[in-house]
Structure formats: structure tokens, C-alpha cells
N, C-alpha and C. Protein backbone atom coordinates (compact mmCIF):
# COMPACT_ATOMS: atom_id res chain seq x y z
N MET A 1 -1.37 -39.36 1.13
CA MET A 1 -1.98 -38.13 0.73
C MET A 1 -0.99 -37.21 1.60
N HIS A 2 -1.05 -37.35 3.12
CA HIS A 2 -0.26 -36.37 4.24
C HIS A 2 0.92 -36.45 3.76
N ASN A 3 1.62 -37.82 3.42
CA ASN A 3 3.15 -37.64 3.09
C ASN A 3 3.52 -36.61 2.01
N ILE A 4 2.68 -36.64 0.95
CA ILE A 4 2.87 -35.93 -0.09
C ILE A 4 2.64 -34.50 0.30
N LEU A 5 1.84 -34.18 0.96
CA LEU A 5 1.34 -32.71 1.18
C LEU A 5 2.46 -32.02 2.13
N SER A 6 3.13 -32.92 3.01
CA SER A 6 4.35 -32.78 4.03
C SER A 6 5.30 -32.56 3.20
N PHE A 7 5.62 -33.44 2.49
CA PHE A 7 6.84 -33.21 1.54
C PHE A 7 6.65 -31.97 0.51
N LEU A 8 5.71 -31.57 0.29
CA LEU A 8 5.74 -30.24 -0.49
C LEU A 8 5.37 -28.82 0.26
N HIS A 9 5.31 -29.21 1.66
CA HIS A 9 5.40 -28.27 2.65
C HIS A 9 3.98 -27.51 2.69
N ILE A 10 3.03 -28.41 2.31
CA ILE A 10 1.60 -27.83 2.24
C ILE A 10 0.95 -28.33 3.55
N GLY A 11 0.22 -27.61 4.11
CA GLY A 11 -0.71 -28.03 5.36
C GLY A 11 -0.17 -27.79 6.40
N ARG A 12 0.77 -26.74 6.73
CA ARG A 12 1.50 -26.10 7.88
C ARG A 12 2.18 -25.23 7.52
N GLY A 13 2.62 -24.36 8.83
CA GLY A 13 3.05 -23.05 8.66
C GLY A 13 2.18 -21.88 8.08
N ASN A 14 3.17 -21.28 7.18
CA ASN A 14 2.32 -19.82 6.98
C ASN A 14 1.40 -20.26 5.76
N TRP A 15 1.02 -21.63 5.47
CA TRP A 15 0.06 -21.85 4.34
C TRP A 15 -0.97 -21.88 5.10
N ASN A 16 -1.12 -21.98 6.46
CA ASN A 16 -2.37 -22.12 6.99
C ASN A 16 -2.64 -20.93 8.04
N ALA A 17 -1.73 -20.34 7.58
CA ALA A 17 -2.16 -19.00 8.63
C ALA A 17 -3.15 -18.12 8.42
N PRO A 18 -3.80 -17.55 9.58
CA PRO A 18 -5.12 -16.76 9.32
C PRO A 18 -4.98 -15.73 8.16
N VAL A 19 -5.50 -15.66 7.41
CA VAL A 19 -5.87 -14.51 6.34
C VAL A 19 -7.16 -13.54 6.66
N ASP A 20 -6.84 -12.36 6.50
CA ASP A 20 -7.93 -11.76 6.59
C ASP A 20 -8.74 -11.22 5.37
N LEU A 21 -9.78 -11.98 5.32
CA LEU A 21 -10.77 -12.15 4.06
C LEU A 21 -11.29 -10.95 3.50
N ARG A 22 -11.68 -10.12 4.31
CA ARG A 22 -12.20 -8.90 4.32
C ARG A 22 -11.32 -7.89 3.21
N ARG A 23 -9.90 -8.36 2.99
CA ARG A 23 -9.27 -7.59 2.11
C ARG A 23 -8.98 -8.01 0.72
N LYS A 24 -9.27 -7.38 -0.34
CA LYS A 24 -8.83 -7.88 -1.67
C LYS A 24 -7.77 -7.89 -2.10
N HIS A 25 -6.74 -7.04 -1.39
CA HIS A 25 -5.16 -6.78 -1.67
C HIS A 25 -4.21 -6.67 -0.34
N ILE A 26 -3.06 -7.34 -0.56
CA ILE A 26 -2.21 -7.43 0.63
C ILE A 26 -1.87 -5.65 0.98
N ARG A 27 -1.84 -5.49 2.32
CA ARG A 27 -1.25 -3.97 3.08
C ARG A 27 -0.07 -4.21 2.87
N HIS A 28 0.67 -2.94 2.80
CA HIS A 28 1.65 -2.72 3.10
C HIS A 28 2.33 -1.75 3.74
N GLN A 29 3.30 -2.01 4.69
CA GLN A 29 3.33 -0.97 5.77
C GLN A 29 5.35 -0.88 5.94
N GLY A 30 5.39 0.25 6.80
CA GLY A 30 6.86 0.35 7.20
C GLY A 30 7.67 0.89 5.66
N ILE A 31 6.84 1.51 4.65
CA ILE A 31 7.91 2.08 3.68
C ILE A 31 7.86 3.72 3.81
N HIS A 32 8.68 4.20 3.37
CA HIS A 32 9.01 5.95 3.40
C HIS A 32 8.07 6.17 2.20
N ALA A 33 6.94 6.86 2.61
CA ALA A 33 6.13 7.04 1.19
C ALA A 33 4.94 8.45 2.04
N GLU A 34 4.53 9.12 1.17
CA GLU A 34 3.80 10.22 1.32
C GLU A 34 2.69 10.38 0.01
N VAL A 35 1.82 11.00 0.47
CA VAL A 35 0.88 11.51 -0.38
C VAL A 35 0.36 12.95 -0.37
N VAL A 36 0.51 13.44 -1.15
CA VAL A 36 0.03 15.07 -1.73
C VAL A 36 -1.29 14.94 -2.09
N VAL A 37 -2.04 15.65 -1.29
CA VAL A 37 -3.66 16.05 -1.66
C VAL A 37 -3.82 17.59 -1.87
N GLY A 38 -3.99 17.95 -2.77
CA GLY A 38 -4.07 19.60 -3.11
C GLY A 38 -2.77 20.11 -2.68
N ASN A 39 -2.22 20.74 -2.04
CA ASN A 39 -1.33 21.39 -1.55
C ASN A 39 -0.41 20.88 -0.56
N ARG A 40 -1.00 19.96 0.35
CA ARG A 40 -0.55 18.94 1.60
C ARG A 40 0.07 18.04 1.41
N SER A 41 1.13 17.56 2.13
CA SER A 41 1.76 16.48 1.96
C SER A 41 1.06 15.62 3.48
N TYR A 42 1.05 14.40 3.32
CA TYR A 42 0.41 13.73 4.48
C TYR A 42 1.43 12.36 4.15
N SER A 43 1.84 11.89 5.38
CA SER A 43 2.59 10.20 5.75
C SER A 43 1.67 9.61 5.17
N ILE A 44 1.86 8.27 4.45
CA ILE A 44 1.21 6.69 4.63
C ILE A 44 1.34 6.10 5.47
N ARG A 45 0.31 5.55 6.01
CA ARG A 45 0.30 4.82 7.20
C ARG A 45 0.59 3.26 6.46
N ASP A 46 -0.57 3.05 5.32
CA ASP A 46 0.03 1.73 4.76
C ASP A 46 -0.72 1.83 3.25
N TRP A 47 -0.56 0.95 2.50
CA TRP A 47 -1.05 0.97 1.26
C TRP A 47 -1.23 -0.40 0.70
N SER A 48 -2.03 -0.76 -0.30
CA SER A 48 -2.17 -1.81 -0.85
C SER A 48 -2.77 -1.11 -2.44
N LEU A 49 -2.95 -2.25 -3.28
CA LEU A 49 -3.12 -1.91 -4.97
C LEU A 49 -4.54 -1.43 -5.03
N GLY A 50 -5.28 -1.66 -3.73
CA GLY A 50 -6.65 -1.12 -3.73
C GLY A 50 -6.93 0.27 -3.10
N GLY A 51 -6.06 0.65 -2.44
CA GLY A 51 -6.27 2.02 -1.71
C GLY A 51 -5.05 2.11 -0.44
N ILE A 52 -5.24 3.51 0.16
CA ILE A 52 -4.04 4.05 1.16
C ILE A 52 -4.90 4.27 2.38
N SER A 53 -4.13 4.36 3.35
CA SER A 53 -4.40 4.77 4.60
C SER A 53 -3.24 5.81 4.95
N PHE A 54 -3.97 7.33 5.28
CA PHE A 54 -2.95 8.28 5.69
C PHE A 54 -2.99 8.93 6.86
N GLU A 55 -2.15 9.34 7.38
CA GLU A 55 -2.41 10.70 8.58
C GLU A 55 -2.58 11.94 7.92
N THR A 56 -3.57 12.55 8.67
CA THR A 56 -3.97 14.13 8.55
C THR A 56 -3.95 14.74 9.49
N ALA A 57 -4.06 16.15 9.35
CA ALA A 57 -4.12 17.08 10.69
C ALA A 57 -5.66 16.92 11.17
N PRO A 58 -6.04 17.29 12.21
CA PRO A 58 -7.25 17.35 12.75
C PRO A 58 -8.29 18.38 11.93
N ASP A 59 -7.63 19.36 11.21
CA ASP A 59 -8.64 20.28 10.67
C ASP A 59 -8.25 20.15 8.96
N ALA A 60 -8.05 18.76 8.66
CA ALA A 60 -8.02 18.29 7.08
C ALA A 60 -9.15 18.81 6.13
N ARG A 61 -10.15 18.82 6.81
CA ARG A 61 -11.78 18.89 5.96
C ARG A 61 -11.93 18.12 4.85
N LEU A 62 -11.58 16.90 5.21
CA LEU A 62 -12.16 15.68 4.08
C LEU A 62 -12.86 15.13 4.65
N ALA A 63 -13.82 14.68 3.71
CA ALA A 63 -15.14 13.93 4.47
C ALA A 63 -15.25 12.64 3.27
N VAL A 64 -15.89 11.75 4.02
CA VAL A 64 -16.26 10.34 3.36
C VAL A 64 -17.04 10.84 1.99
N GLY A 65 -16.74 10.19 0.89
CA GLY A 65 -17.46 10.27 -0.33
C GLY A 65 -16.84 11.20 -1.45
N ASP A 66 -15.85 12.18 -1.00
CA ASP A 66 -14.64 13.36 -1.44
C ASP A 66 -14.00 12.14 -2.38
N GLN A 67 -13.65 12.79 -3.82
CA GLN A 67 -12.99 12.48 -4.81
C GLN A 67 -11.83 13.15 -4.49
N LEU A 68 -10.71 12.21 -4.69
CA LEU A 68 -9.37 13.29 -4.86
C LEU A 68 -8.66 12.78 -5.69
N GLN A 69 -7.78 13.65 -6.13
CA GLN A 69 -6.43 13.28 -7.04
C GLN A 69 -5.46 13.24 -6.31
N LEU A 70 -4.85 12.06 -6.10
CA LEU A 70 -3.88 11.75 -5.35
C LEU A 70 -2.54 11.89 -6.07
N THR A 71 -1.18 12.06 -5.28
CA THR A 71 -0.10 11.96 -5.97
C THR A 71 1.07 11.46 -4.84
N LEU A 72 1.20 9.85 -4.91
CA LEU A 72 2.00 9.47 -4.10
C LEU A 72 3.27 9.31 -4.44
N LYS A 73 3.93 9.26 -3.38
CA LYS A 73 5.68 9.55 -3.68
C LYS A 73 6.22 8.49 -2.66
N PHE A 74 7.01 7.12 -3.54
CA PHE A 74 7.39 6.41 -2.57
C PHE A 74 8.85 6.46 -3.02
N ARG A 75 9.76 6.58 -1.72
CA ARG A 75 11.32 6.90 -1.59
C ARG A 75 11.58 5.99 -1.52
N PHE A 76 13.11 5.14 -2.03
CA PHE A 76 13.62 4.40 -2.17
C PHE A 76 15.00 4.72 -1.83
N LEU A 77 15.97 3.88 -1.67
CA LEU A 77 17.76 4.42 -1.80
C LEU A 77 18.02 5.10 -3.12
N HIS A 78 17.68 4.09 -3.99
CA HIS A 78 18.12 4.82 -5.54
C HIS A 78 17.02 5.31 -6.48
N ASP A 79 15.97 5.34 -5.75
CA ASP A 79 14.85 5.94 -6.54
C ASP A 79 13.79 6.57 -6.14
N THR A 80 12.81 7.39 -6.71
CA THR A 80 11.63 7.82 -6.30
C THR A 80 10.41 7.59 -7.12
N VAL A 81 9.35 6.90 -6.91
CA VAL A 81 8.51 6.57 -7.75
C VAL A 81 7.18 7.51 -7.36
N THR A 82 6.75 8.05 -8.36
CA THR A 82 5.83 9.13 -8.16
C THR A 82 4.38 8.58 -9.03
N ILE A 83 3.34 8.32 -8.53
CA ILE A 83 1.88 7.86 -8.95
C ILE A 83 1.08 8.89 -8.98
N LEU A 84 0.22 9.17 -10.10
CA LEU A 84 -0.76 10.42 -9.98
C LEU A 84 -2.10 9.31 -9.78
N GLN A 85 -3.17 9.34 -8.72
CA GLN A 85 -3.98 8.31 -9.13
C GLN A 85 -5.26 8.97 -8.34
N PRO A 86 -6.71 8.74 -8.98
CA PRO A 86 -7.89 9.43 -8.82
C PRO A 86 -8.38 8.45 -7.55
N ALA A 87 -8.78 8.78 -6.14
CA ALA A 87 -9.37 7.95 -5.48
C ALA A 87 -10.58 8.67 -4.72
N GLN A 88 -11.08 7.73 -3.81
CA GLN A 88 -12.39 8.14 -3.20
C GLN A 88 -12.66 7.92 -1.47
N ILE A 89 -12.64 8.95 -0.76
CA ILE A 89 -12.58 8.62 0.46
C ILE A 89 -13.67 7.55 1.03
N VAL A 90 -13.20 6.51 1.77
CA VAL A 90 -14.10 5.65 2.41
C VAL A 90 -14.16 5.66 3.75
N ARG A 91 -13.24 6.29 4.36
CA ARG A 91 -13.35 6.52 6.20
C ARG A 91 -12.33 7.71 6.30
N ALA A 92 -13.15 8.40 7.32
CA ALA A 92 -12.48 9.81 7.70
C ALA A 92 -12.48 9.79 9.30
N ALA A 93 -11.15 9.82 10.17
CA ALA A 93 -11.15 10.19 11.17
C ALA A 93 -10.72 11.33 11.56
N ARG A 94 -10.45 11.59 12.75
CA ARG A 94 -9.85 12.88 13.25
C ARG A 94 -8.46 12.87 12.66
N ARG A 95 -7.66 11.98 12.48
CA ARG A 95 -6.15 12.13 12.32
C ARG A 95 -5.72 10.96 11.41
N GLY A 96 -6.92 10.78 10.62
CA GLY A 96 -6.56 9.88 9.46
C GLY A 96 -7.83 9.32 8.39
N ILE A 97 -7.14 9.09 7.20
CA ILE A 97 -8.22 9.02 6.02
C ILE A 97 -7.79 7.58 5.30
N ALA A 98 -8.70 7.09 4.91
CA ALA A 98 -8.70 5.79 3.99
C ALA A 98 -9.24 6.14 2.81
N VAL A 99 -8.38 5.87 1.71
CA VAL A 99 -9.28 5.97 0.28
C VAL A 99 -9.21 4.80 -0.61
N LYS A 100 -10.17 4.71 -1.13
CA LYS A 100 -10.07 3.46 -2.17
C LYS A 100 -9.89 4.01 -3.71
N PHE A 101 -8.91 3.53 -4.19
CA PHE A 101 -8.37 4.15 -5.49
C PHE A 101 -9.45 3.46 -6.75
N ALA A 102 -9.31 4.54 -7.53
CA ALA A 102 -10.08 4.37 -9.07
C ALA A 102 -9.77 3.09 -9.50
N PRO A 103 -10.15 2.58 -10.42
CA PRO A 103 -9.67 1.25 -11.28
C PRO A 103 -8.22 1.73 -11.71
N LEU A 104 -7.00 1.01 -11.50
CA LEU A 104 -5.99 1.38 -11.95
C LEU A 104 -5.82 1.14 -13.49
N ASP A 105 -5.20 1.98 -14.28
CA ASP A 105 -5.06 1.62 -15.51
C ASP A 105 -3.48 1.26 -16.00
N LYS A 106 -3.37 1.01 -17.44
CA LYS A 106 -2.08 0.10 -17.17
C LYS A 106 -0.40 0.67 -16.74
N ALA A 107 -0.76 2.05 -16.99
CA ALA A 107 0.51 3.02 -16.17
C ALA A 107 0.23 2.87 -14.80
N GLY A 108 -0.57 3.07 -14.17
CA GLY A 108 -0.85 2.92 -12.79
C GLY A 108 -0.11 1.60 -12.42
N ARG A 109 -0.53 0.49 -12.74
CA ARG A 109 -0.32 -0.93 -12.52
C ARG A 109 1.21 -0.97 -12.86
N ARG A 110 1.60 -0.59 -13.66
CA ARG A 110 2.96 -0.66 -14.01
C ARG A 110 3.89 0.06 -12.68
N ALA A 111 3.32 1.40 -12.58
CA ALA A 111 3.85 2.06 -11.45
C ALA A 111 4.03 1.26 -10.06
N PHE A 112 3.05 0.67 -9.88
CA PHE A 112 2.91 -0.19 -8.33
C PHE A 112 3.53 -1.20 -8.68
N ASP A 113 3.79 -1.91 -9.54
CA ASP A 113 4.79 -3.12 -9.97
C ASP A 113 6.02 -2.40 -9.70
N ARG A 114 6.60 -1.49 -9.90
CA ARG A 114 8.13 -0.69 -9.66
C ARG A 114 8.20 -0.62 -8.05
N VAL A 115 6.95 -0.05 -7.65
CA VAL A 115 7.03 -0.02 -6.00
C VAL A 115 7.65 -1.51 -5.62
N LEU A 116 6.64 -2.23 -5.89
CA LEU A 116 6.35 -3.42 -5.13
C LEU A 116 7.97 -4.05 -5.78
N ASP A 117 8.61 -4.08 -6.54
CA ASP A 117 9.93 -4.67 -7.06
C ASP A 117 10.96 -3.86 -6.05
N SER A 118 10.87 -2.25 -6.12
CA SER A 118 12.09 -1.71 -5.14
C SER A 118 11.77 -2.30 -3.83
N MET A 119 10.93 -2.25 -3.30
CA MET A 119 10.11 -3.02 -1.89
C MET A 119 11.35 -4.40 -1.61
N ASN A 120 11.02 -5.29 -2.65
CA ASN A 120 11.28 -6.43 -2.30
C ASN A 120 13.07 -6.63 -2.99
N THR A 121 13.39 -5.69 -3.46
CA THR A 121 14.83 -5.35 -3.71
C THR A 121 15.89 -4.79 -2.08
N GLU A 122 14.85 -3.92 -2.06
CA GLU A 122 15.73 -3.29 -0.69
C GLU A 122 15.67 -4.20 0.23
N SER A 123 14.43 -4.98 0.47
CA SER A 123 14.40 -6.06 1.66
C SER A 123 15.47 -6.92 1.45
N PHE A 124 15.76 -7.43 0.35
CA PHE A 124 16.68 -8.58 -0.33
C PHE A 124 18.23 -8.13 0.30
N PHE A 125 18.19 -6.87 -0.05
CA PHE A 125 19.63 -5.93 0.13
C PHE A 125 19.81 -6.04 1.55
N SER A 126 19.04 -5.68 2.41
CA SER A 126 19.02 -5.55 3.85
C SER A 126 19.41 -6.93 4.51
N SER A 127 18.54 -7.67 3.73
CA SER A 127 18.72 -9.18 4.58
C SER A 127 20.15 -9.46 4.27
N GLN A 128 20.68 -9.12 3.42
CA GLN A 128 21.81 -9.85 2.69
C GLN A 128 23.32 -9.05 3.33
N ALA A 129 22.77 -7.88 4.08
CA ALA A 129 23.69 -6.99 4.76
C ALA A 129 23.78 -7.14 6.04
N ALA A 130 22.83 -8.00 6.72
CA ALA A 130 23.11 -8.33 8.10
C ALA A 130 23.98 -9.57 8.36
């Protein structure tokens, strides 16, 4: 059995990497994106299909439980993907907010799939340029 698993590259490496089981969705960082709340724009720290974390000013006046209508803008070399998404604040700190998305509809899911595809495409192109 060990030989079969070894042949399939199962049982070592990334397959056994520690996984954060608290998270339902994979978090993505290092992408050029912003969120617009009301008439203010903030930088996104990280995001997943379940929500985002973004930086705020200390006087943002956003509190846990607030319902928001977000405009997410993901910028890529040849495209900008804009997503309108309702959300609720689940964590609020002096300089940061974490929100949980309302369940994604089909259009929202397709838009996030476009973001993931664009991220993977840019990652592939940058790996080939090196």
C-alpha cells in the first residue's frame, strides 16, 4: 500500500501540510484589490469566497453586525472585475474590518470565478517570464 501511495505522491509533501480547519474557504492575499463602502475606498488585505478583510481608518464608524453593500474591485493587467456583494461585519478593530458575505448568487459566483481565473493566469504568465 505504501508503494502505491508513494507512486501517486500521496502521503507526503503538501498533501500532509497543516490545514486551517477553521476556514471554510481558501484565503487569497497579495492581489491588487479594493472595496468601496459607501463613498469610501479601502485596500483589501485578504479575501475568500466567504468574505474579506480590509484596512480602514480609525474613524470608520463600522461596527460588528452592520449590514453593508460592498463594491469589490479586483484589478488585473488586462481587466478589472467589479463585484457588488452584500455582507455583514463579523470583526471590527481600530484599523481593520472583517466581513462575511451573504450567500453568493450565480452571478456573484461567476464573478469570483473570473477573479480566480485571472489570478491563476497572471501567476502562470509571471512564472513563465522568469
